[in-house]
Amino acid sequence: MANSTTGCYNLYTQMLFFFKKTSQIIIILLIVTIFSVGYSIKAFAESPSVDLVLEPMSYTIPFYKGKPNLSSQGTAKIVAIPNVVISGQKISSENLNFKWIKDNIVLADLSGKGRSSLTIYGQVPVRDINITLQVLDSSGRAVAENNIFLFVGKPKIVFYENDPLLGKLFNKALTNNYYLGDKEEILITAEPYFFDVNNNTSSELKYTWLVNGKETNLDGKVNELLLRQVNKAISGTASIELSIDNYTRIFQYINNSFKINFGEQI
């Protein structure tokens, strides 16, 4: 408004702040009103957060493109990656407190300063697991929280042909019906996906191979079965079945089967 004494104008300024929080970002909207004309400025401030990375510690084939599954009585590691900025500086995991909660029960012995990872062991009875993590600052104030749900499944068996020249043909699993053709023999390799072992021939695993319902004694590795076609003039079908049990985790067991057709196909 005009000032009759000085001939100048008084500047009337009004500032309004609005805060809107999305998943990780706080949007700050500043509205400045000058001479009844509004101007707005947006600023962005990152909200404290924590990411949880699940790492099931189970067996998969080399260069497996998928992620291992958590099986019954399996073991998994959860790693927390906090993003907490205080006074413009990012706080390292070593200077934060981590409060781990499993199925609504605080894991006091596994929580504390710098304890940014948690190892979970499958329980009996077998059931899914709910994990919550609260990240606390030095004053004990919760600055970030996240939750992860661990779905417990079963291991599986996948059969592959082990070619004498090319090695294991991981690009094509043996399922349903496989035609032997002109091959005189085939070496079958079984891979025990998602068992809690370090390798496919672990002493903790019991392999039971059945050919046409009869248990078969193996000449080589426990996870391999060699079949020979003696007379190509004879046609037929062989049923191949395998059961795998984990001696140390009785709830880790599975079986799978497929059929091999041999001889001349009509």
Protein backbone atom coordinates (compact mmCIF):
# COMPACT_ATOMS: atom_id res chain seq x y z
CA MET A 1 0.00 0.00 0.00
CA ALA A 2 1.12 3.60 -0.63
CA ASN A 3 2.84 5.71 2.06
CA SER A 4 1.76 9.40 1.65
CA THR A 5 4.72 10.72 3.66
CA THR A 6 7.62 9.10 1.79
CA GLY A 7 6.00 8.27 -1.52
CA CYS A 8 7.35 4.66 -1.15
CA TYR A 9 5.60 1.33 -1.02
CA ASN A 10 5.71 -1.07 1.93
CA LEU A 11 6.65 -4.57 0.80
CA TYR A 12 4.18 -7.13 2.09
CA THR A 13 5.55 -10.64 1.96
CA GLN A 14 3.84 -13.88 2.99
CA MET A 15 5.60 -17.21 3.04
CA LEU A 16 3.81 -20.54 3.24
CA PHE A 17 5.52 -23.94 3.50
CA PHE A 18 3.93 -27.21 2.42
CA PHE A 19 5.52 -30.61 3.01
CA LYS A 20 4.57 -33.71 1.04
CA LYS A 21 6.29 -37.02 1.70
CA THR A 22 6.47 -39.71 -0.95
CA SER A 23 8.17 -43.09 -0.47
CA GLN A 24 11.70 -41.68 -0.17
CA ILE A 25 11.46 -37.98 -0.98
CA ILE A 26 10.06 -35.04 0.93
CA ILE A 27 8.82 -32.30 -1.42
CA ILE A 28 8.97 -28.84 0.10
CA LEU A 29 6.76 -26.26 -1.61
CA LEU A 30 7.53 -22.65 -0.72
CA ILE A 31 4.94 -20.05 -1.72
CA VAL A 32 6.00 -16.42 -1.53
CA THR A 33 3.36 -13.72 -1.96
CA ILE A 34 4.59 -10.29 -3.03
CA PHE A 35 2.07 -7.54 -3.90
CA SER A 36 -0.66 -10.23 -3.97
CA VAL A 37 1.24 -12.19 -6.64
CA GLY A 38 2.19 -15.76 -5.66
CA TYR A 39 5.53 -17.34 -6.54
CA SER A 40 6.31 -20.98 -5.79
CA ILE A 41 9.62 -22.78 -5.37
CA LYS A 42 10.02 -26.55 -4.99
CA ALA A 43 12.86 -28.12 -3.06
CA PHE A 44 13.60 -31.78 -2.52
CA ALA A 45 15.01 -33.39 0.61
CA GLU A 46 15.75 -37.09 0.83
CA SER A 47 13.94 -38.87 3.65
CA PRO A 48 15.89 -41.35 5.82
CA SER A 49 15.35 -44.88 4.52
CA VAL A 50 16.72 -48.40 4.72
CA ASP A 51 16.76 -51.08 2.04
CA LEU A 52 16.73 -54.78 2.87
CA VAL A 53 18.51 -57.31 0.65
CA LEU A 54 17.61 -60.98 1.05
CA GLU A 55 20.31 -63.57 0.33
CA PRO A 56 19.09 -67.20 0.73
CA MET A 57 22.14 -69.38 1.34
CA SER A 58 21.10 -72.34 -0.81
CA TYR A 59 22.58 -74.25 -3.73
CA THR A 60 22.17 -73.24 -7.37
CA ILE A 61 24.11 -74.14 -10.50
CA PRO A 62 27.07 -71.95 -11.55
CA PHE A 63 26.07 -68.69 -13.26
CA TYR A 64 22.45 -69.18 -12.27
CA LYS A 65 20.57 -66.11 -13.50
CA GLY A 66 17.77 -66.27 -10.97
CA LYS A 67 17.78 -65.73 -7.24
CA PRO A 68 18.01 -68.65 -4.81
CA ASN A 69 14.84 -69.54 -2.94
CA LEU A 70 14.50 -70.08 0.79
CA SER A 71 13.50 -73.70 1.41
CA SER A 72 12.12 -75.46 4.48
CA GLN A 73 14.62 -75.24 7.36
CA GLY A 74 16.79 -73.12 5.09
CA THR A 75 19.20 -70.33 5.95
CA ALA A 76 19.02 -66.76 4.70
CA LYS A 77 21.00 -63.60 5.30
CA ILE A 78 19.33 -60.18 5.35
CA VAL A 79 21.57 -57.16 4.77
CA ALA A 80 20.39 -53.65 5.65
CA ILE A 81 21.55 -50.71 3.53
CA PRO A 82 20.62 -47.51 5.38
CA ASN A 83 20.44 -44.07 3.82
CA VAL A 84 20.38 -41.68 6.76
CA VAL A 85 21.58 -38.10 6.40
CA ILE A 86 21.86 -35.89 9.49
CA SER A 87 23.03 -32.26 9.25
CA GLY A 88 24.07 -32.84 5.65
CA GLN A 89 26.26 -35.84 6.39
CA LYS A 90 25.45 -39.47 5.62
CA ILE A 91 25.69 -41.66 8.71
CA SER A 92 27.55 -44.95 8.27
CA SER A 93 26.09 -48.27 9.39
CA GLU A 94 28.72 -48.52 12.14
CA ASN A 95 27.23 -45.46 13.85
CA LEU A 96 23.60 -46.53 13.65
CA ASN A 97 21.64 -48.91 15.84
CA PHE A 98 19.66 -51.71 14.25
CA LYS A 99 16.61 -53.20 15.93
CA TRP A 100 15.60 -56.50 14.34
CA ILE A 101 12.09 -57.87 14.90
CA LYS A 102 11.00 -61.37 13.86
CA ASP A 103 7.28 -62.15 13.84
CA ASN A 104 6.67 -59.25 16.27
CA ILE A 105 9.39 -60.46 18.67
CA VAL A 106 12.44 -58.22 19.17
CA LEU A 107 15.70 -60.10 18.57
CA ALA A 108 17.62 -58.34 21.32
CA ASP A 109 20.73 -60.53 21.07
CA LEU A 110 21.02 -59.87 17.33
CA SER A 111 20.30 -56.14 17.47
CA GLY A 112 22.58 -53.26 18.36
CA LYS A 113 25.05 -50.71 17.05
CA GLY A 114 26.47 -51.55 13.65
CA ARG A 115 24.57 -54.83 13.37
CA SER A 116 23.32 -54.24 9.86
CA SER A 117 22.88 -57.89 8.90
CA LEU A 118 20.81 -60.75 10.22
CA THR A 119 21.05 -64.49 9.60
CA ILE A 120 17.75 -66.36 9.73
CA TYR A 121 17.46 -70.11 10.23
CA GLY A 122 14.34 -71.93 9.10
CA GLN A 123 12.06 -72.97 11.91
CA VAL A 124 9.90 -75.96 12.74
CA PRO A 125 6.98 -76.04 12.21
CA VAL A 126 7.77 -74.69 8.77
CA ARG A 127 6.13 -71.34 8.07
CA ASP A 128 6.78 -68.01 6.39
CA ILE A 129 8.77 -65.41 8.35
CA ASN A 130 8.09 -61.70 8.83
CA ILE A 131 11.11 -59.49 9.53
CA THR A 132 10.95 -55.81 10.52
CA LEU A 133 13.97 -53.55 10.94
CA GLN A 134 14.06 -50.23 12.75
CA VAL A 135 17.11 -47.99 12.33
CA LEU A 136 17.84 -45.81 15.37
CA ASP A 137 20.11 -42.82 15.74
CA SER A 138 22.49 -42.28 18.69
CA SER A 139 19.65 -40.91 20.83
CA GLY A 140 17.52 -44.02 20.30
CA ARG A 141 15.08 -42.29 17.96
CA ALA A 142 13.77 -44.39 15.06
CA VAL A 143 14.78 -42.65 11.82
CA ALA A 144 13.93 -45.38 9.28
CA GLU A 145 12.00 -48.63 9.12
CA ASN A 146 11.43 -51.41 6.61
CA ASN A 147 9.81 -54.81 6.45
CA ILE A 148 10.45 -57.99 4.49
CA PHE A 149 8.42 -61.19 4.22
CA LEU A 150 10.29 -64.46 3.73
CA PHE A 151 8.25 -67.00 1.80
CA VAL A 152 9.39 -70.55 2.55
CA GLY A 153 9.18 -72.98 -0.37
CA LYS A 154 10.57 -76.38 -1.30
CA PRO A 155 13.78 -77.37 -3.06
CA LYS A 156 13.59 -78.87 -6.54
CA ILE A 157 15.39 -81.32 -8.78
CA VAL A 158 16.25 -80.46 -12.38
CA PHE A 159 17.67 -83.07 -14.78
CA TYR A 160 20.20 -82.17 -17.49
CA GLU A 161 22.03 -84.13 -20.15
CA ASN A 162 25.78 -84.30 -19.60
CA ASP A 163 27.21 -84.36 -23.12
CA PRO A 164 30.70 -85.94 -23.50
CA LEU A 165 31.84 -83.02 -25.69
CA LEU A 166 29.77 -80.03 -24.59
CA GLY A 167 29.43 -80.85 -20.90
CA LYS A 168 26.24 -80.20 -18.95
CA LEU A 169 23.54 -78.77 -21.18
CA PHE A 170 22.06 -76.29 -18.71
CA ASN A 171 20.13 -74.56 -21.48
CA LYS A 172 17.58 -77.39 -21.69
CA ALA A 173 16.20 -79.43 -18.80
CA LEU A 174 15.06 -83.02 -19.28
CA THR A 175 11.31 -83.10 -18.62
CA ASN A 176 8.32 -85.25 -19.55
CA ASN A 177 9.47 -87.48 -22.46
CA TYR A 178 12.98 -87.51 -23.88
CA TYR A 179 13.82 -89.43 -27.07
CA LEU A 180 17.22 -91.08 -27.01
CA GLY A 181 17.43 -91.40 -30.82
CA ASP A 182 20.67 -92.85 -32.19
CA LYS A 183 22.64 -92.26 -29.01
CA GLU A 184 24.12 -95.38 -27.52
CA GLU A 185 24.15 -93.88 -24.04
CA ILE A 186 23.15 -90.80 -22.08
CA LEU A 187 24.63 -89.41 -18.87
CA ILE A 188 21.99 -87.67 -16.75
CA THR A 189 23.01 -85.09 -14.15
CA ALA A 190 20.61 -84.04 -11.37
CA GLU A 191 20.98 -80.63 -9.76
CA PRO A 192 19.52 -80.16 -6.22
CA TYR A 193 18.28 -76.57 -6.41
CA PHE A 194 17.70 -74.65 -3.14
CA PHE A 195 19.02 -77.29 -0.74
CA ASP A 196 21.17 -75.86 2.06
CA VAL A 197 24.43 -77.42 0.84
CA ASN A 198 27.61 -76.11 -0.76
CA ASN A 199 27.71 -78.49 -3.71
CA ASN A 200 25.57 -81.04 -5.56
CA THR A 201 27.43 -84.06 -4.19
CA SER A 202 27.38 -83.01 -0.54
CA SER A 203 27.51 -85.82 2.00
CA GLU A 204 24.43 -84.25 3.62
CA LEU A 205 22.30 -85.32 0.65
CA LYS A 206 20.91 -88.80 0.01
CA TYR A 207 20.21 -89.62 -3.65
CA THR A 208 17.84 -92.47 -4.47
CA TRP A 209 17.59 -93.29 -8.19
CA LEU A 210 14.82 -95.51 -9.54
CA VAL A 211 14.64 -96.94 -13.06
CA ASN A 212 11.24 -98.41 -13.84
CA GLY A 213 10.50 -98.46 -10.12
CA LYS A 214 13.67 -100.33 -9.09
CA GLU A 215 16.50 -98.75 -7.13
CA THR A 216 19.69 -98.46 -9.16
CA ASN A 217 23.27 -98.71 -7.96
CA LEU A 218 25.52 -95.97 -9.30
CA ASP A 219 29.01 -96.36 -10.73
CA GLY A 220 30.08 -92.72 -10.52
CA LYS A 221 28.86 -89.56 -8.83
CA VAL A 222 25.72 -89.74 -6.70
CA ASN A 223 24.00 -87.09 -8.79
CA GLU A 224 24.66 -88.82 -12.14
CA LEU A 225 22.97 -91.73 -13.87
CA LEU A 226 24.37 -93.44 -16.99
CA LEU A 227 21.93 -95.24 -19.29
CA ARG A 228 22.94 -97.36 -22.29
CA GLN A 229 20.90 -98.37 -25.32
CA VAL A 230 22.01 -101.95 -26.07
CA ASN A 231 19.71 -102.80 -28.99
CA LYS A 232 18.27 -99.98 -31.09
CA ALA A 233 15.82 -102.40 -32.68
CA ILE A 234 13.97 -102.70 -29.38
CA SER A 235 11.60 -99.84 -28.63
CA GLY A 236 10.31 -98.87 -25.23
CA THR A 237 10.11 -96.34 -22.43
CA ALA A 238 12.16 -96.11 -19.24
CA SER A 239 10.84 -94.22 -16.24
CA ILE A 240 13.56 -92.29 -14.37
CA GLU A 241 12.81 -91.11 -10.85
CA LEU A 242 15.01 -89.47 -8.24
CA SER A 243 14.44 -88.62 -4.59
CA ILE A 244 16.80 -86.35 -2.64
CA ASP A 245 16.76 -86.04 1.16
CA ASN A 246 18.83 -83.77 3.38
CA TYR A 247 20.18 -85.73 6.34
CA THR A 248 20.58 -82.62 8.51
CA ARG A 249 17.29 -80.91 7.60
CA ILE A 250 14.53 -83.49 7.46
CA PHE A 251 12.02 -81.09 5.90
CA GLN A 252 14.28 -80.57 2.87
CA TYR A 253 13.31 -83.36 0.51
CA ILE A 254 11.90 -83.61 -2.99
CA ASN A 255 11.46 -86.04 -5.88
CA ASN A 256 11.13 -85.65 -9.63
CA SER A 257 10.83 -87.92 -12.65
CA PHE A 258 10.73 -88.05 -16.43
CA LYS A 259 10.62 -90.73 -19.16
CA ILE A 260 13.17 -91.74 -21.80
CA ASN A 261 11.93 -93.21 -25.08
CA PHE A 262 14.36 -95.44 -26.95
CA GLY A 263 14.46 -97.57 -30.11
CA GLU A 264 12.69 -96.80 -33.37
CA GLN A 265 9.77 -94.41 -33.00
CA ILE A 266 6.60 -95.31 -34.87
